[in-house]
Amino acid sequence: MLAYCEKLVLTPSEMSPADVELLHDQGLSDQEVLALVLVAGFFMLATRIADGLGVELDPQLTRGEPEYRAYFEGRAR
């Protein structure tokens, strides 16, 4: 699934029915493949919108920031 999404993100024009067949061979249904494409596509769209508008992430959501570590350490309890 990750290889499929990577190809979809980096080289979408190279996608082919064979890529879907590889997912089918791993046991994914057509509905699951569709869900995979929709989720990957949504995140690509959301990222481009945020980047295009200069949206900055909340420090709680930025790895390496003290707020990020504090937030997730607090949730683990």
PDB file of N, CA and C in Angstrom:
ATOM      1  N   MET A   1       0.821  -1.184   0.000  1.00  0.00           N
ATOM      2  CA  MET A   1       0.000   0.000   0.000  1.00  0.00           C
ATOM      3  C   MET A   1       0.871   1.256   0.000  1.00  0.00           C
ATOM      4  N   LEU A   2       1.945   1.226   0.783  1.00  0.00           N
ATOM      5  CA  LEU A   2       2.809   2.405   0.832  1.00  0.00           C
ATOM      6  C   LEU A   2       3.502   2.651  -0.506  1.00  0.00           C
ATOM      7  N   ALA A   3       3.948   1.586  -1.151  1.00  0.00           N
ATOM      8  CA  ALA A   3       4.590   1.739  -2.466  1.00  0.00           C
ATOM      9  C   ALA A   3       3.587   2.296  -3.479  1.00  0.00           C
ATOM     10  N   TYR A   4       2.354   1.826  -3.404  1.00  0.00           N
ATOM     11  CA  TYR A   4       1.306   2.311  -4.298  1.00  0.00           C
ATOM     12  C   TYR A   4       1.092   3.811  -4.072  1.00  0.00           C
ATOM     13  N   CYS A   5       0.969   4.215  -2.802  1.00  0.00           N
ATOM     14  CA  CYS A   5       0.741   5.632  -2.488  1.00  0.00           C
ATOM     15  C   CYS A   5       1.936   6.484  -2.894  1.00  0.00           C
ATOM     16  N   GLU A   6       3.138   5.961  -2.677  1.00  0.00           N
ATOM     17  CA  GLU A   6       4.325   6.714  -3.076  1.00  0.00           C
ATOM     18  C   GLU A   6       4.320   6.956  -4.584  1.00  0.00           C
ATOM     19  N   LYS A   7       3.998   5.936  -5.345  1.00  0.00           N
ATOM     20  CA  LYS A   7       3.946   6.092  -6.803  1.00  0.00           C
ATOM     21  C   LYS A   7       2.839   7.065  -7.193  1.00  0.00           C
ATOM     22  N   LEU A   8       1.697   6.960  -6.526  1.00  0.00           N
ATOM     23  CA  LEU A   8       0.575   7.857  -6.808  1.00  0.00           C
ATOM     24  C   LEU A   8       0.954   9.307  -6.552  1.00  0.00           C
ATOM     25  N   VAL A   9       1.714   9.553  -5.499  1.00  0.00           N
ATOM     26  CA  VAL A   9       2.113  10.916  -5.143  1.00  0.00           C
ATOM     27  C   VAL A   9       3.222  11.434  -6.053  1.00  0.00           C
ATOM     28  N   LEU A  10       4.234  10.611  -6.292  1.00  0.00           N
ATOM     29  CA  LEU A  10       5.422  11.080  -7.003  1.00  0.00           C
ATOM     30  C   LEU A  10       5.318  11.000  -8.520  1.00  0.00           C
ATOM     31  N   THR A  11       4.657   9.969  -9.030  1.00  0.00           N
ATOM     32  CA  THR A  11       4.580   9.780 -10.491  1.00  0.00           C
ATOM     33  C   THR A  11       3.176   9.301 -10.885  1.00  0.00           C
ATOM     34  N   PRO A  12       2.162  10.122 -10.652  1.00  0.00           N
ATOM     35  CA  PRO A  12       0.793   9.683 -10.914  1.00  0.00           C
ATOM     36  C   PRO A  12       0.532   9.290 -12.368  1.00  0.00           C
ATOM     37  N   SER A  13       1.244   9.893 -13.304  1.00  0.00           N
ATOM     38  CA  SER A  13       1.013   9.564 -14.713  1.00  0.00           C
ATOM     39  C   SER A  13       1.511   8.162 -15.063  1.00  0.00           C
ATOM     40  N   GLU A  14       2.284   7.563 -14.179  1.00  0.00           N
ATOM     41  CA  GLU A  14       2.796   6.218 -14.429  1.00  0.00           C
ATOM     42  C   GLU A  14       1.933   5.120 -13.810  1.00  0.00           C
ATOM     43  N   MET A  15       0.835   5.495 -13.163  1.00  0.00           N
ATOM     44  CA  MET A  15      -0.057   4.489 -12.566  1.00  0.00           C
ATOM     45  C   MET A  15      -0.705   3.677 -13.682  1.00  0.00           C
ATOM     46  N   SER A  16      -0.928   2.391 -13.392  1.00  0.00           N
ATOM     47  CA  SER A  16      -1.547   1.522 -14.392  1.00  0.00           C
ATOM     48  C   SER A  16      -2.422   0.489 -13.685  1.00  0.00           C
ATOM     49  N   PRO A  17      -3.241  -0.214 -14.445  1.00  0.00           N
ATOM     50  CA  PRO A  17      -4.052  -1.278 -13.844  1.00  0.00           C
ATOM     51  C   PRO A  17      -3.204  -2.325 -13.107  1.00  0.00           C
ATOM     52  N   ALA A  18      -1.974  -2.499 -13.526  1.00  0.00           N
ATOM     53  CA  ALA A  18      -1.093  -3.460 -12.852  1.00  0.00           C
ATOM     54  C   ALA A  18      -0.840  -3.059 -11.399  1.00  0.00           C
ATOM     55  N   ASP A  19      -0.817  -1.756 -11.133  1.00  0.00           N
ATOM     56  CA  ASP A  19      -0.625  -1.293  -9.759  1.00  0.00           C
ATOM     57  C   ASP A  19      -1.799  -1.704  -8.880  1.00  0.00           C
ATOM     58  N   VAL A  20      -2.996  -1.599  -9.414  1.00  0.00           N
ATOM     59  CA  VAL A  20      -4.189  -2.018  -8.680  1.00  0.00           C
ATOM     60  C   VAL A  20      -4.173  -3.530  -8.494  1.00  0.00           C
ATOM     61  N   GLU A  21      -3.757  -4.245  -9.504  1.00  0.00           N
ATOM     62  CA  GLU A  21      -3.703  -5.705  -9.403  1.00  0.00           C
ATOM     63  C   GLU A  21      -2.756  -6.155  -8.293  1.00  0.00           C
ATOM     64  N   LEU A  22      -1.660  -5.430  -8.103  1.00  0.00           N
ATOM     65  CA  LEU A  22      -0.751  -5.768  -7.006  1.00  0.00           C
ATOM     66  C   LEU A  22      -1.451  -5.641  -5.656  1.00  0.00           C
ATOM     67  N   LEU A  23      -2.290  -4.638  -5.530  1.00  0.00           N
ATOM     68  CA  LEU A  23      -3.059  -4.486  -4.296  1.00  0.00           C
ATOM     69  C   LEU A  23      -4.092  -5.595  -4.154  1.00  0.00           C
ATOM     70  N   HIS A  24      -4.734  -5.951  -5.253  1.00  0.00           N
ATOM     71  CA  HIS A  24      -5.687  -7.068  -5.229  1.00  0.00           C
ATOM     72  C   HIS A  24      -4.982  -8.358  -4.817  1.00  0.00           C
ATOM     73  N   ASP A  25      -3.763  -8.545  -5.316  1.00  0.00           N
ATOM     74  CA  ASP A  25      -2.999  -9.745  -4.968  1.00  0.00           C
ATOM     75  C   ASP A  25      -2.682  -9.799  -3.479  1.00  0.00           C
ATOM     76  N   GLN A  26      -2.634  -8.648  -2.837  1.00  0.00           N
ATOM     77  CA  GLN A  26      -2.390  -8.581  -1.402  1.00  0.00           C
ATOM     78  C   GLN A  26      -3.683  -8.674  -0.594  1.00  0.00           C
ATOM     79  N   GLY A  27      -4.806  -8.855  -1.297  1.00  0.00           N
ATOM     80  CA  GLY A  27      -6.076  -9.070  -0.617  1.00  0.00           C
ATOM     81  C   GLY A  27      -6.979  -7.864  -0.506  1.00  0.00           C
ATOM     82  N   LEU A  28      -6.597  -6.729  -1.103  1.00  0.00           N
ATOM     83  CA  LEU A  28      -7.454  -5.556  -1.032  1.00  0.00           C
ATOM     84  C   LEU A  28      -8.574  -5.656  -2.061  1.00  0.00           C
ATOM     85  N   SER A  29      -9.751  -5.247  -1.657  1.00  0.00           N
ATOM     86  CA  SER A  29     -10.904  -5.210  -2.554  1.00  0.00           C
ATOM     87  C   SER A  29     -10.879  -3.904  -3.352  1.00  0.00           C
ATOM     88  N   ASP A  30     -11.740  -3.810  -4.347  1.00  0.00           N
ATOM     89  CA  ASP A  30     -11.861  -2.559  -5.101  1.00  0.00           C
ATOM     90  C   ASP A  30     -12.239  -1.408  -4.181  1.00  0.00           C
ATOM     91  N   GLN A  31     -13.128  -1.674  -3.227  1.00  0.00           N
ATOM     92  CA  GLN A  31     -13.557  -0.640  -2.291  1.00  0.00           C
ATOM     93  C   GLN A  31     -12.384  -0.174  -1.425  1.00  0.00           C
ATOM     94  N   GLU A  32     -11.535  -1.087  -1.006  1.00  0.00           N
ATOM     95  CA  GLU A  32     -10.376  -0.719  -0.201  1.00  0.00           C
ATOM     96  C   GLU A  32      -9.340   0.059  -1.018  1.00  0.00           C
ATOM     97  N   VAL A  33      -9.176  -0.310  -2.272  1.00  0.00           N
ATOM     98  CA  VAL A  33      -8.271   0.435  -3.151  1.00  0.00           C
ATOM     99  C   VAL A  33      -8.800   1.857  -3.330  1.00  0.00           C
ATOM    100  N   LEU A  34     -10.082   1.982  -3.540  1.00  0.00           N
ATOM    101  CA  LEU A  34     -10.684   3.307  -3.671  1.00  0.00           C
ATOM    102  C   LEU A  34     -10.447   4.128  -2.409  1.00  0.00           C
ATOM    103  N   ALA A  35     -10.658   3.539  -1.247  1.00  0.00           N
ATOM    104  CA  ALA A  35     -10.427   4.251   0.013  1.00  0.00           C
ATOM    105  C   ALA A  35      -8.979   4.700   0.126  1.00  0.00           C
ATOM    106  N   LEU A  36      -8.049   3.845  -0.273  1.00  0.00           N
ATOM    107  CA  LEU A  36      -6.629   4.179  -0.246  1.00  0.00           C
ATOM    108  C   LEU A  36      -6.337   5.393  -1.131  1.00  0.00           C
ATOM    109  N   VAL A  37      -6.888   5.391  -2.337  1.00  0.00           N
ATOM    110  CA  VAL A  37      -6.674   6.501  -3.270  1.00  0.00           C
ATOM    111  C   VAL A  37      -7.324   7.784  -2.738  1.00  0.00           C
ATOM    112  N   LEU A  38      -8.509   7.668  -2.174  1.00  0.00           N
ATOM    113  CA  LEU A  38      -9.189   8.853  -1.653  1.00  0.00           C
ATOM    114  C   LEU A  38      -8.437   9.467  -0.477  1.00  0.00           C
ATOM    115  N   VAL A  39      -7.936   8.640   0.429  1.00  0.00           N
ATOM    116  CA  VAL A  39      -7.191   9.166   1.577  1.00  0.00           C
ATOM    117  C   VAL A  39      -5.892   9.812   1.112  1.00  0.00           C
ATOM    118  N   ALA A  40      -5.151   9.135   0.247  1.00  0.00           N
ATOM    119  CA  ALA A  40      -3.898   9.701  -0.262  1.00  0.00           C
ATOM    120  C   ALA A  40      -4.172  11.007  -1.009  1.00  0.00           C
ATOM    121  N   GLY A  41      -5.209  11.011  -1.836  1.00  0.00           N
ATOM    122  CA  GLY A  41      -5.554  12.211  -2.598  1.00  0.00           C
ATOM    123  C   GLY A  41      -5.970  13.357  -1.700  1.00  0.00           C
ATOM    124  N   PHE A  42      -6.731  13.055  -0.645  1.00  0.00           N
ATOM    125  CA  PHE A  42      -7.145  14.093   0.286  1.00  0.00           C
ATOM    126  C   PHE A  42      -5.931  14.736   0.949  1.00  0.00           C
ATOM    127  N   PHE A  43      -4.989  13.916   1.412  1.00  0.00           N
ATOM    128  CA  PHE A  43      -3.817  14.472   2.073  1.00  0.00           C
ATOM    129  C   PHE A  43      -2.948  15.268   1.115  1.00  0.00           C
ATOM    130  N   MET A  44      -2.859  14.834  -0.136  1.00  0.00           N
ATOM    131  CA  MET A  44      -2.111  15.620  -1.122  1.00  0.00           C
ATOM    132  C   MET A  44      -2.790  16.971  -1.330  1.00  0.00           C
ATOM    133  N   LEU A  45      -4.107  16.968  -1.469  1.00  0.00           N
ATOM    134  CA  LEU A  45      -4.856  18.203  -1.663  1.00  0.00           C
ATOM    135  C   LEU A  45      -4.718  19.127  -0.452  1.00  0.00           C
ATOM    136  N   ALA A  46      -4.924  18.583   0.738  1.00  0.00           N
ATOM    137  CA  ALA A  46      -4.870  19.398   1.956  1.00  0.00           C
ATOM    138  C   ALA A  46      -3.491  20.017   2.135  1.00  0.00           C
ATOM    139  N   THR A  47      -2.451  19.247   1.860  1.00  0.00           N
ATOM    140  CA  THR A  47      -1.091  19.758   1.993  1.00  0.00           C
ATOM    141  C   THR A  47      -0.827  20.880   1.005  1.00  0.00           C
ATOM    142  N   ARG A  48      -1.276  20.720  -0.218  1.00  0.00           N
ATOM    143  CA  ARG A  48      -1.058  21.761  -1.223  1.00  0.00           C
ATOM    144  C   ARG A  48      -1.835  23.032  -0.904  1.00  0.00           C
ATOM    145  N   ILE A  49      -3.030  22.880  -0.387  1.00  0.00           N
ATOM    146  CA  ILE A  49      -3.808  24.057   0.018  1.00  0.00           C
ATOM    147  C   ILE A  49      -3.093  24.777   1.152  1.00  0.00           C
ATOM    148  N   ALA A  50      -2.681  24.028   2.168  1.00  0.00           N
ATOM    149  CA  ALA A  50      -1.997  24.631   3.315  1.00  0.00           C
ATOM    150  C   ALA A  50      -0.689  25.291   2.883  1.00  0.00           C
ATOM    151  N   ASP A  51       0.088  24.596   2.062  1.00  0.00           N
ATOM    152  CA  ASP A  51       1.352  25.177   1.588  1.00  0.00           C
ATOM    153  C   ASP A  51       1.106  26.416   0.731  1.00  0.00           C
ATOM    154  N   GLY A  52       0.104  26.354  -0.117  1.00  0.00           N
ATOM    155  CA  GLY A  52      -0.206  27.476  -0.995  1.00  0.00           C
ATOM    156  C   GLY A  52      -0.660  28.713  -0.250  1.00  0.00           C
ATOM    157  N   LEU A  53      -1.281  28.502   0.896  1.00  0.00           N
ATOM    158  CA  LEU A  53      -1.764  29.627   1.689  1.00  0.00           C
ATOM    159  C   LEU A  53      -0.791  30.024   2.793  1.00  0.00           C
ATOM    160  N   GLY A  54       0.310  29.296   2.890  1.00  0.00           N
ATOM    161  CA  GLY A  54       1.303  29.616   3.918  1.00  0.00           C
ATOM    162  C   GLY A  54       0.859  29.255   5.319  1.00  0.00           C
ATOM    163  N   VAL A  55      -0.021  28.271   5.437  1.00  0.00           N
ATOM    164  CA  VAL A  55      -0.511  27.848   6.747  1.00  0.00           C
ATOM    165  C   VAL A  55       0.632  27.199   7.526  1.00  0.00           C
ATOM    166  N   GLU A  56       0.790  27.617   8.771  1.00  0.00           N
ATOM    167  CA  GLU A  56       1.797  27.017   9.634  1.00  0.00           C
ATOM    168  C   GLU A  56       1.103  26.093  10.617  1.00  0.00           C
ATOM    169  N   LEU A  57       1.726  24.949  10.848  1.00  0.00           N
ATOM    170  CA  LEU A  57       1.165  23.989  11.783  1.00  0.00           C
ATOM    171  C   LEU A  57       1.255  24.489  13.213  1.00  0.00           C
ATOM    172  N   ASP A  58       0.297  24.072  14.005  1.00  0.00           N
ATOM    173  CA  ASP A  58       0.359  24.304  15.434  1.00  0.00           C
ATOM    174  C   ASP A  58       1.617  23.618  15.959  1.00  0.00           C
ATOM    175  N   PRO A  59       2.397  24.259  16.819  1.00  0.00           N
ATOM    176  CA  PRO A  59       3.624  23.638  17.317  1.00  0.00           C
ATOM    177  C   PRO A  59       3.402  22.261  17.932  1.00  0.00           C
ATOM    178  N   GLN A  60       2.186  22.024  18.470  1.00  0.00           N
ATOM    179  CA  GLN A  60       1.895  20.705  19.033  1.00  0.00           C
ATOM    180  C   GLN A  60       1.990  19.615  17.970  1.00  0.00           C
ATOM    181  N   LEU A  61       1.846  19.971  16.711  1.00  0.00           N
ATOM    182  CA  LEU A  61       1.819  18.987  15.638  1.00  0.00           C
ATOM    183  C   LEU A  61       3.125  18.939  14.847  1.00  0.00           C
ATOM    184  N   THR A  62       4.139  19.662  15.288  1.00  0.00           N
ATOM    185  CA  THR A  62       5.409  19.704  14.571  1.00  0.00           C
ATOM    186  C   THR A  62       6.451  18.905  15.344  1.00  0.00           C
ATOM    187  N   ARG A  63       6.867  17.799  14.776  1.00  0.00           N
ATOM    188  CA  ARG A  63       7.866  16.957  15.440  1.00  0.00           C
ATOM    189  C   ARG A  63       9.110  17.762  15.771  1.00  0.00           C
ATOM    190  N   GLY A  64       9.694  17.426  16.898  1.00  0.00           N
ATOM    191  CA  GLY A  64      10.926  18.081  17.307  1.00  0.00           C
ATOM    192  C   GLY A  64      10.695  19.317  18.164  1.00  0.00           C
ATOM    193  N   GLU A  65       9.478  19.821  18.162  1.00  0.00           N
ATOM    194  CA  GLU A  65       9.172  20.984  18.984  1.00  0.00           C
ATOM    195  C   GLU A  65       8.827  20.513  20.397  1.00  0.00           C
ATOM    196  N   PRO A  66       9.222  21.276  21.412  1.00  0.00           N
ATOM    197  CA  PRO A  66       8.913  20.866  22.791  1.00  0.00           C
ATOM    198  C   PRO A  66       7.417  20.654  23.028  1.00  0.00           C
ATOM    199  N   GLU A  67       6.597  21.471  22.385  1.00  0.00           N
ATOM    200  CA  GLU A  67       5.152  21.343  22.562  1.00  0.00           C
ATOM    201  C   GLU A  67       4.650  20.002  22.030  1.00  0.00           C
ATOM    202  N   TYR A  68       5.239  19.540  20.933  1.00  0.00           N
ATOM    203  CA  TYR A  68       4.859  18.259  20.327  1.00  0.00           C
ATOM    204  C   TYR A  68       5.134  17.127  21.307  1.00  0.00           C
ATOM    205  N   ARG A  69       6.358  17.109  21.837  1.00  0.00           N
ATOM    206  CA  ARG A  69       6.733  16.053  22.779  1.00  0.00           C
ATOM    207  C   ARG A  69       5.855  16.124  24.024  1.00  0.00           C
ATOM    208  N   ALA A  70       5.651  17.316  24.551  1.00  0.00           N
ATOM    209  CA  ALA A  70       4.848  17.471  25.763  1.00  0.00           C
ATOM    210  C   ALA A  70       3.416  17.006  25.528  1.00  0.00           C
ATOM    211  N   TYR A  71       2.867  17.343  24.378  1.00  0.00           N
ATOM    212  CA  TYR A  71       1.490  16.951  24.062  1.00  0.00           C
ATOM    213  C   TYR A  71       1.357  15.437  24.029  1.00  0.00           C
ATOM    214  N   PHE A  72       2.253  14.764  23.309  1.00  0.00           N
ATOM    215  CA  PHE A  72       2.124  13.327  23.157  1.00  0.00           C
ATOM    216  C   PHE A  72       2.574  12.576  24.397  1.00  0.00           C
ATOM    217  N   GLU A  73       3.502  13.116  25.154  1.00  0.00           N
ATOM    218  CA  GLU A  73       3.876  12.481  26.416  1.00  0.00           C
ATOM    219  C   GLU A  73       2.706  12.553  27.392  1.00  0.00           C
ATOM    220  N   GLY A  74       1.989  13.668  27.376  1.00  0.00           N
ATOM    221  CA  GLY A  74       0.835  13.832  28.249  1.00  0.00           C
ATOM    222  C   GLY A  74      -0.309  12.904  27.893  1.00  0.00           C
ATOM    223  N   ARG A  75      -0.449  12.580  26.610  1.00  0.00           N
ATOM    224  CA  ARG A  75      -1.537  11.701  26.156  1.00  0.00           C
ATOM    225  C   ARG A  75      -1.240  10.257  26.475  1.00  0.00           C
ATOM    226  N   ALA A  76       0.029   9.903  26.595  1.00  0.00           N
ATOM    227  CA  ALA A  76       0.406   8.510  26.813  1.00  0.00           C
ATOM    228  C   ALA A  76       0.027   8.048  28.220  1.00  0.00           C
ATOM    229  N   ARG A  77      -0.236   8.958  29.079  1.00  0.00           N
ATOM    230  CA  ARG A  77      -0.554   8.604  30.477  1.00  0.00           C
ATOM    231  C   ARG A  77      -1.961   8.169  30.653  1.00  0.00           C
TER     232      ARG A  77
END
